[in-house]
């Protein structure tokens, strides 16, 4: 029953995200709004480029190693957190902990799916492709907007913090998510706007799923 409810909630969450995003996407395609949209895009692109160039100019080999480690920690966090909650719930026979494991995993999975859909819709080029002055530490193949690392890490961290609102959970969780998100801009693979939107998307999805879950249970 709980699993079926979360599947329904997932569909609702995706639809709500689409209702928020699609008007902007449609406006970007509307010939009537071409001039205003182009002007906004140029200003945003200029801001993004300047931020990326500034970050790249302050890279050091030591910092780059740390940022690569943080970026690569995403899968361990996304898989490890719900897995640990599930195992702990089974060992302790704690139904609430098992439900929290499903809540965290579902929030992150829905965020990942929504992120993939938005990447397909917007097809924004990576910074190092858009601007040849920007040099990335490595070259991912997928599109740029929004940042999947940012959305997934903040979804996991926000869901975990919502399930266990203790300072010793919230602090480390948000610090990890913020570090993962920033690492994507530092490494030159995402614009800062990609990172900020992705972070908001992930956190918002987790909060939405928590609200729906509380009403259903």
C-alpha atoms as a PDB file:
ATOM      1  CA  UNK A   1       0.000   0.000   0.000  1.00  0.00           C
ATOM      2  CA  UNK A   2       2.781   2.422   0.961  1.00  0.00           C
ATOM      3  CA  UNK A   3       4.659   1.684  -2.259  1.00  0.00           C
ATOM      4  CA  UNK A   4       1.569   2.274  -4.420  1.00  0.00           C
ATOM      5  CA  UNK A   5       0.946   5.550  -2.612  1.00  0.00           C
ATOM      6  CA  UNK A   6       4.486   6.720  -3.288  1.00  0.00           C
ATOM      7  CA  UNK A   7       4.156   5.819  -6.962  1.00  0.00           C
ATOM      8  CA  UNK A   8       1.050   8.001  -7.184  1.00  0.00           C
ATOM      9  CA  UNK A   9       2.804  10.759  -5.268  1.00  0.00           C
ATOM     10  CA  UNK A  10       5.738  10.538  -7.634  1.00  0.00           C
ATOM     11  CA  UNK A  11       3.505  11.141 -10.616  1.00  0.00           C
ATOM     12  CA  UNK A  12       1.934  14.122  -8.852  1.00  0.00           C
ATOM     13  CA  UNK A  13       5.361  15.563  -8.053  1.00  0.00           C
ATOM     14  CA  UNK A  14       6.554  15.263 -11.643  1.00  0.00           C
ATOM     15  CA  UNK A  15       3.376  16.877 -12.967  1.00  0.00           C
ATOM     16  CA  UNK A  16       3.682  19.777 -10.544  1.00  0.00           C
ATOM     17  CA  UNK A  17       7.284  20.356 -11.597  1.00  0.00           C
ATOM     18  CA  UNK A  18       6.213  20.334 -15.226  1.00  0.00           C
ATOM     19  CA  UNK A  19       3.460  22.857 -14.531  1.00  0.00           C
ATOM     20  CA  UNK A  20       6.110  25.165 -13.086  1.00  0.00           C
ATOM     21  CA  UNK A  21       8.745  24.643 -15.782  1.00  0.00           C
ATOM     22  CA  UNK A  22       6.855  24.252 -19.038  1.00  0.00           C
ATOM     23  CA  UNK A  23       5.501  27.818 -19.191  1.00  0.00           C
ATOM     24  CA  UNK A  24       9.076  29.086 -19.172  1.00  0.00           C
ATOM     25  CA  UNK A  25      10.037  26.584 -21.829  1.00  0.00           C
ATOM     26  CA  UNK A  26       7.065  27.560 -23.945  1.00  0.00           C
ATOM     27  CA  UNK A  27       7.884  31.246 -23.558  1.00  0.00           C
ATOM     28  CA  UNK A  28      11.379  30.558 -24.765  1.00  0.00           C
ATOM     29  CA  UNK A  29       9.901  29.086 -27.955  1.00  0.00           C
ATOM     30  CA  UNK A  30       7.272  31.811 -28.491  1.00  0.00           C
ATOM     31  CA  UNK A  31       8.247  34.101 -31.361  1.00  0.00           C
ATOM     32  CA  UNK A  32       6.395  37.008 -29.726  1.00  0.00           C
ATOM     33  CA  UNK A  33       8.712  36.898 -26.710  1.00  0.00           C
ATOM     34  CA  UNK A  34      11.925  36.297 -28.671  1.00  0.00           C
ATOM     35  CA  UNK A  35      13.498  39.685 -27.973  1.00  0.00           C
ATOM     36  CA  UNK A  36      12.823  39.675 -24.228  1.00  0.00           C
ATOM     37  CA  UNK A  37      13.846  36.051 -23.893  1.00  0.00           C
ATOM     38  CA  UNK A  38      17.028  36.601 -25.875  1.00  0.00           C
ATOM     39  CA  UNK A  39      17.960  39.607 -23.757  1.00  0.00           C
ATOM     40  CA  UNK A  40      17.433  37.654 -20.540  1.00  0.00           C
ATOM     41  CA  UNK A  41      19.392  34.699 -21.864  1.00  0.00           C
ATOM     42  CA  UNK A  42      22.297  36.923 -22.866  1.00  0.00           C
ATOM     43  CA  UNK A  43      22.454  38.538 -19.432  1.00  0.00           C
ATOM     44  CA  UNK A  44      22.233  35.174 -17.703  1.00  0.00           C
ATOM     45  CA  UNK A  45      24.829  33.677 -20.021  1.00  0.00           C
ATOM     46  CA  UNK A  46      27.196  36.560 -19.365  1.00  0.00           C
ATOM     47  CA  UNK A  47      26.777  36.148 -15.618  1.00  0.00           C
ATOM     48  CA  UNK A  48      27.282  32.381 -15.824  1.00  0.00           C
ATOM     49  CA  UNK A  49      30.394  32.726 -17.995  1.00  0.00           C
ATOM     50  CA  UNK A  50      31.984  35.289 -15.683  1.00  0.00           C
ATOM     51  CA  UNK A  51      31.362  33.138 -12.615  1.00  0.00           C
ATOM     52  CA  UNK A  52      32.806  30.054 -14.309  1.00  0.00           C
ATOM     53  CA  UNK A  53      35.916  31.879 -15.485  1.00  0.00           C
ATOM     54  CA  UNK A  54      36.481  33.329 -12.023  1.00  0.00           C
ATOM     55  CA  UNK A  55      36.144  29.940 -10.330  1.00  0.00           C
ATOM     56  CA  UNK A  56      38.490  28.308 -12.847  1.00  0.00           C
ATOM     57  CA  UNK A  57      41.123  30.992 -12.303  1.00  0.00           C
ATOM     58  CA  UNK A  58      41.378  30.038  -8.617  1.00  0.00           C
ATOM     59  CA  UNK A  59      41.670  26.263  -9.027  1.00  0.00           C
ATOM     60  CA  UNK A  60      44.534  24.454  -7.335  1.00  0.00           C
ATOM     61  CA  UNK A  61      45.540  20.786  -7.740  1.00  0.00           C
ATOM     62  CA  UNK A  62      44.714  20.055  -4.096  1.00  0.00           C
ATOM     63  CA  UNK A  63      41.277  21.647  -4.282  1.00  0.00           C
ATOM     64  CA  UNK A  64      40.555  19.884  -7.552  1.00  0.00           C
ATOM     65  CA  UNK A  65      41.218  16.490  -5.951  1.00  0.00           C
ATOM     66  CA  UNK A  66      38.821  17.332  -3.123  1.00  0.00           C
ATOM     67  CA  UNK A  67      36.133  18.511  -5.546  1.00  0.00           C
ATOM     68  CA  UNK A  68      36.468  15.376  -7.665  1.00  0.00           C
ATOM     69  CA  UNK A  69      36.064  13.268  -4.523  1.00  0.00           C
ATOM     70  CA  UNK A  70      32.960  15.218  -3.491  1.00  0.00           C
ATOM     71  CA  UNK A  71      31.452  14.951  -6.955  1.00  0.00           C
ATOM     72  CA  UNK A  72      32.053  11.208  -7.063  1.00  0.00           C
ATOM     73  CA  UNK A  73      30.513  10.755  -3.604  1.00  0.00           C
ATOM     74  CA  UNK A  74      27.031  11.369  -5.025  1.00  0.00           C
ATOM     75  CA  UNK A  75      26.186   7.739  -5.767  1.00  0.00           C
ATOM     76  CA  UNK A  76      27.472   6.604  -2.385  1.00  0.00           C
ATOM     77  CA  UNK A  77      25.226   9.115  -0.647  1.00  0.00           C
ATOM     78  CA  UNK A  78      22.157   8.548  -2.799  1.00  0.00           C
ATOM     79  CA  UNK A  79      22.380   4.765  -2.480  1.00  0.00           C
ATOM     80  CA  UNK A  80      23.975   4.536   0.958  1.00  0.00           C
ATOM     81  CA  UNK A  81      21.481   6.657   2.898  1.00  0.00           C
ATOM     82  CA  UNK A  82      18.283   4.760   1.986  1.00  0.00           C
ATOM     83  CA  UNK A  83      20.150   1.431   2.117  1.00  0.00           C
ATOM     84  CA  UNK A  84      21.390   2.171   5.645  1.00  0.00           C
ATOM     85  CA  UNK A  85      17.903   3.197   6.749  1.00  0.00           C
ATOM     86  CA  UNK A  86      16.376   0.061   5.239  1.00  0.00           C
ATOM     87  CA  UNK A  87      18.943  -2.258   6.825  1.00  0.00           C
ATOM     88  CA  UNK A  88      18.602  -0.477  10.162  1.00  0.00           C
ATOM     89  CA  UNK A  89      14.828  -0.727   9.945  1.00  0.00           C
ATOM     90  CA  UNK A  90      14.977  -4.451   9.249  1.00  0.00           C
ATOM     91  CA  UNK A  91      17.476  -5.173  12.024  1.00  0.00           C
ATOM     92  CA  UNK A  92      15.601  -3.083  14.584  1.00  0.00           C
ATOM     93  CA  UNK A  93      12.155  -4.084  13.266  1.00  0.00           C
ATOM     94  CA  UNK A  94      11.444  -0.357  12.904  1.00  0.00           C
ATOM     95  CA  UNK A  95       8.647   0.280  10.394  1.00  0.00           C
ATOM     96  CA  UNK A  96       9.159   4.059  10.507  1.00  0.00           C
ATOM     97  CA  UNK A  97      12.792   3.711   9.546  1.00  0.00           C
ATOM     98  CA  UNK A  98      11.859   1.455   6.632  1.00  0.00           C
ATOM     99  CA  UNK A  99       9.282   4.005   5.485  1.00  0.00           C
ATOM    100  CA  UNK A 100      11.907   6.746   5.706  1.00  0.00           C
ATOM    101  CA  UNK A 101      14.198   4.649   3.543  1.00  0.00           C
ATOM    102  CA  UNK A 102      11.491   4.478   0.879  1.00  0.00           C
ATOM    103  CA  UNK A 103      10.768   8.197   1.271  1.00  0.00           C
ATOM    104  CA  UNK A 104      14.411   9.185   0.710  1.00  0.00           C
ATOM    105  CA  UNK A 105      14.856   6.778  -2.204  1.00  0.00           C
ATOM    106  CA  UNK A 106      11.578   7.822  -3.852  1.00  0.00           C
ATOM    107  CA  UNK A 107      12.333  11.534  -3.536  1.00  0.00           C
ATOM    108  CA  UNK A 108      15.741  11.108  -5.115  1.00  0.00           C
ATOM    109  CA  UNK A 109      14.444   8.828  -7.877  1.00  0.00           C
ATOM    110  CA  UNK A 110      11.679  11.282  -8.811  1.00  0.00           C
ATOM    111  CA  UNK A 111      14.167  14.139  -8.769  1.00  0.00           C
ATOM    112  CA  UNK A 112      16.488  12.204 -11.073  1.00  0.00           C
ATOM    113  CA  UNK A 113      13.669  11.479 -13.500  1.00  0.00           C
ATOM    114  CA  UNK A 114      12.512  15.095 -13.548  1.00  0.00           C
ATOM    115  CA  UNK A 115      16.091  16.284 -14.048  1.00  0.00           C
ATOM    116  CA  UNK A 116      16.539  13.959 -17.005  1.00  0.00           C
ATOM    117  CA  UNK A 117      13.298  15.209 -18.548  1.00  0.00           C
ATOM    118  CA  UNK A 118      14.358  18.847 -18.159  1.00  0.00           C
ATOM    119  CA  UNK A 119      17.764  18.113 -19.681  1.00  0.00           C
ATOM    120  CA  UNK A 120      15.955  16.662 -22.687  1.00  0.00           C
ATOM    121  CA  UNK A 121      13.650  19.666 -22.955  1.00  0.00           C
ATOM    122  CA  UNK A 122      16.215  22.441 -22.588  1.00  0.00           C
ATOM    123  CA  UNK A 123      19.295  20.805 -24.133  1.00  0.00           C
ATOM    124  CA  UNK A 124      21.642  23.438 -22.718  1.00  0.00           C
ATOM    125  CA  UNK A 125      25.233  22.940 -23.786  1.00  0.00           C
ATOM    126  CA  UNK A 126      27.932  22.333 -21.207  1.00  0.00           C
ATOM    127  CA  UNK A 127      30.024  25.398 -20.216  1.00  0.00           C
ATOM    128  CA  UNK A 128      33.180  24.192 -21.968  1.00  0.00           C
ATOM    129  CA  UNK A 129      31.195  23.705 -25.183  1.00  0.00           C
ATOM    130  CA  UNK A 130      29.275  26.970 -24.959  1.00  0.00           C
ATOM    131  CA  UNK A 131      32.385  29.031 -24.175  1.00  0.00           C
ATOM    132  CA  UNK A 132      35.800  27.781 -25.298  1.00  0.00           C
ATOM    133  CA  UNK A 133      37.494  29.987 -22.687  1.00  0.00           C
ATOM    134  CA  UNK A 134      36.059  27.743 -19.979  1.00  0.00           C
ATOM    135  CA  UNK A 135      38.231  24.685 -19.366  1.00  0.00           C
ATOM    136  CA  UNK A 136      36.627  21.774 -17.528  1.00  0.00           C
ATOM    137  CA  UNK A 137      38.497  19.266 -15.399  1.00  0.00           C
ATOM    138  CA  UNK A 138      36.772  16.529 -17.401  1.00  0.00           C
ATOM    139  CA  UNK A 139      34.149  16.452 -20.174  1.00  0.00           C
ATOM    140  CA  UNK A 140      30.721  14.873 -19.437  1.00  0.00           C
ATOM    141  CA  UNK A 141      28.618  13.900 -22.444  1.00  0.00           C
ATOM    142  CA  UNK A 142      25.113  14.855 -21.300  1.00  0.00           C
ATOM    143  CA  UNK A 143      23.464  18.274 -21.425  1.00  0.00           C
ATOM    144  CA  UNK A 144      23.904  20.901 -18.726  1.00  0.00           C
ATOM    145  CA  UNK A 145      20.592  22.214 -17.359  1.00  0.00           C
ATOM    146  CA  UNK A 146      19.819  21.414 -14.620  1.00  0.00           C
ATOM    147  CA  UNK A 147      22.670  19.865 -12.644  1.00  0.00           C
ATOM    148  CA  UNK A 148      21.797  16.260 -11.816  1.00  0.00           C
ATOM    149  CA  UNK A 149      24.395  16.048  -9.062  1.00  0.00           C
ATOM    150  CA  UNK A 150      22.931  19.147  -7.409  1.00  0.00           C
ATOM    151  CA  UNK A 151      19.315  18.025  -7.654  1.00  0.00           C
ATOM    152  CA  UNK A 152      19.989  14.470  -6.464  1.00  0.00           C
ATOM    153  CA  UNK A 153      22.258  15.427  -3.565  1.00  0.00           C
ATOM    154  CA  UNK A 154      19.830  18.056  -2.262  1.00  0.00           C
ATOM    155  CA  UNK A 155      16.908  15.687  -2.643  1.00  0.00           C
ATOM    156  CA  UNK A 156      18.668  13.048  -0.554  1.00  0.00           C
ATOM    157  CA  UNK A 157      19.900  15.568   2.027  1.00  0.00           C
ATOM    158  CA  UNK A 158      16.548  17.356   2.348  1.00  0.00           C
ATOM    159  CA  UNK A 159      14.584  14.115   2.627  1.00  0.00           C
ATOM    160  CA  UNK A 160      16.963  12.777   5.269  1.00  0.00           C
ATOM    161  CA  UNK A 161      16.838  16.072   7.184  1.00  0.00           C
ATOM    162  CA  UNK A 162      13.049  16.106   6.989  1.00  0.00           C
ATOM    163  CA  UNK A 163      12.822  12.548   8.294  1.00  0.00           C
ATOM    164  CA  UNK A 164      15.337  13.203  11.089  1.00  0.00           C
ATOM    165  CA  UNK A 165      15.281  16.953  11.905  1.00  0.00           C
ATOM    166  CA  UNK A 166      18.239  16.892  14.286  1.00  0.00           C
ATOM    167  CA  UNK A 167      21.166  19.311  13.981  1.00  0.00           C
ATOM    168  CA  UNK A 168      23.655  16.450  13.752  1.00  0.00           C
ATOM    169  CA  UNK A 169      21.730  15.095  10.751  1.00  0.00           C
ATOM    170  CA  UNK A 170      20.706  18.329   9.028  1.00  0.00           C
ATOM    171  CA  UNK A 171      24.138  19.980   9.286  1.00  0.00           C
ATOM    172  CA  UNK A 172      26.265  17.219   7.732  1.00  0.00           C
ATOM    173  CA  UNK A 173      23.576  16.359   5.156  1.00  0.00           C
ATOM    174  CA  UNK A 174      23.264  19.911   3.864  1.00  0.00           C
ATOM    175  CA  UNK A 175      27.013  20.485   3.981  1.00  0.00           C
ATOM    176  CA  UNK A 176      27.520  17.385   1.848  1.00  0.00           C
ATOM    177  CA  UNK A 177      24.819  18.380  -0.642  1.00  0.00           C
ATOM    178  CA  UNK A 178      26.120  21.929  -0.920  1.00  0.00           C
ATOM    179  CA  UNK A 179      29.668  20.688  -1.438  1.00  0.00           C
ATOM    180  CA  UNK A 180      28.596  18.247  -4.151  1.00  0.00           C
ATOM    181  CA  UNK A 181      26.621  20.972  -5.904  1.00  0.00           C
ATOM    182  CA  UNK A 182      29.463  23.513  -5.769  1.00  0.00           C
ATOM    183  CA  UNK A 183      31.937  20.918  -7.015  1.00  0.00           C
ATOM    184  CA  UNK A 184      30.073  20.785 -10.328  1.00  0.00           C
ATOM    185  CA  UNK A 185      30.701  24.477 -11.011  1.00  0.00           C
ATOM    186  CA  UNK A 186      34.261  24.227  -9.699  1.00  0.00           C
ATOM    187  CA  UNK A 187      35.026  21.367 -12.077  1.00  0.00           C
ATOM    188  CA  UNK A 188      33.698  23.418 -14.986  1.00  0.00           C
ATOM    189  CA  UNK A 189      30.983  20.959 -15.973  1.00  0.00           C
ATOM    190  CA  UNK A 190      27.932  23.024 -14.915  1.00  0.00           C
ATOM    191  CA  UNK A 191      27.007  26.679 -14.876  1.00  0.00           C
ATOM    192  CA  UNK A 192      26.111  28.174 -11.511  1.00  0.00           C
ATOM    193  CA  UNK A 193      22.509  28.639 -12.678  1.00  0.00           C
ATOM    194  CA  UNK A 194      22.399  24.885 -13.442  1.00  0.00           C
ATOM    195  CA  UNK A 195      23.588  24.207  -9.916  1.00  0.00           C
ATOM    196  CA  UNK A 196      21.205  26.620  -8.194  1.00  0.00           C
ATOM    197  CA  UNK A 197      18.160  25.407 -10.099  1.00  0.00           C
ATOM    198  CA  UNK A 198      19.114  21.761  -9.583  1.00  0.00           C
ATOM    199  CA  UNK A 199      19.538  22.316  -5.841  1.00  0.00           C
ATOM    200  CA  UNK A 200      16.114  23.971  -5.612  1.00  0.00           C
ATOM    201  CA  UNK A 201      14.525  21.212  -7.664  1.00  0.00           C
ATOM    202  CA  UNK A 202      15.918  18.467  -5.440  1.00  0.00           C
ATOM    203  CA  UNK A 203      15.064  20.176  -2.171  1.00  0.00           C
ATOM    204  CA  UNK A 204      11.605  21.120  -3.396  1.00  0.00           C
ATOM    205  CA  UNK A 205      10.823  17.577  -4.509  1.00  0.00           C
ATOM    206  CA  UNK A 206      11.794  16.150  -1.122  1.00  0.00           C
ATOM    207  CA  UNK A 207       9.646  18.710   0.710  1.00  0.00           C
ATOM    208  CA  UNK A 208       6.707  18.060  -1.605  1.00  0.00           C
ATOM    209  CA  UNK A 209       6.992  14.304  -1.147  1.00  0.00           C
ATOM    210  CA  UNK A 210       7.155  14.714   2.634  1.00  0.00           C
ATOM    211  CA  UNK A 211       4.013  16.843   2.626  1.00  0.00           C
ATOM    212  CA  UNK A 212       2.117  14.303   0.530  1.00  0.00           C
ATOM    213  CA  UNK A 213       3.422  11.418   2.633  1.00  0.00           C
ATOM    214  CA  UNK A 214       2.280  13.056   5.886  1.00  0.00           C
ATOM    215  CA  UNK A 215      -1.227  13.583   4.509  1.00  0.00           C
ATOM    216  CA  UNK A 216      -1.522   9.993   3.271  1.00  0.00           C
ATOM    217  CA  UNK A 217      -0.206   8.154   6.323  1.00  0.00           C
END
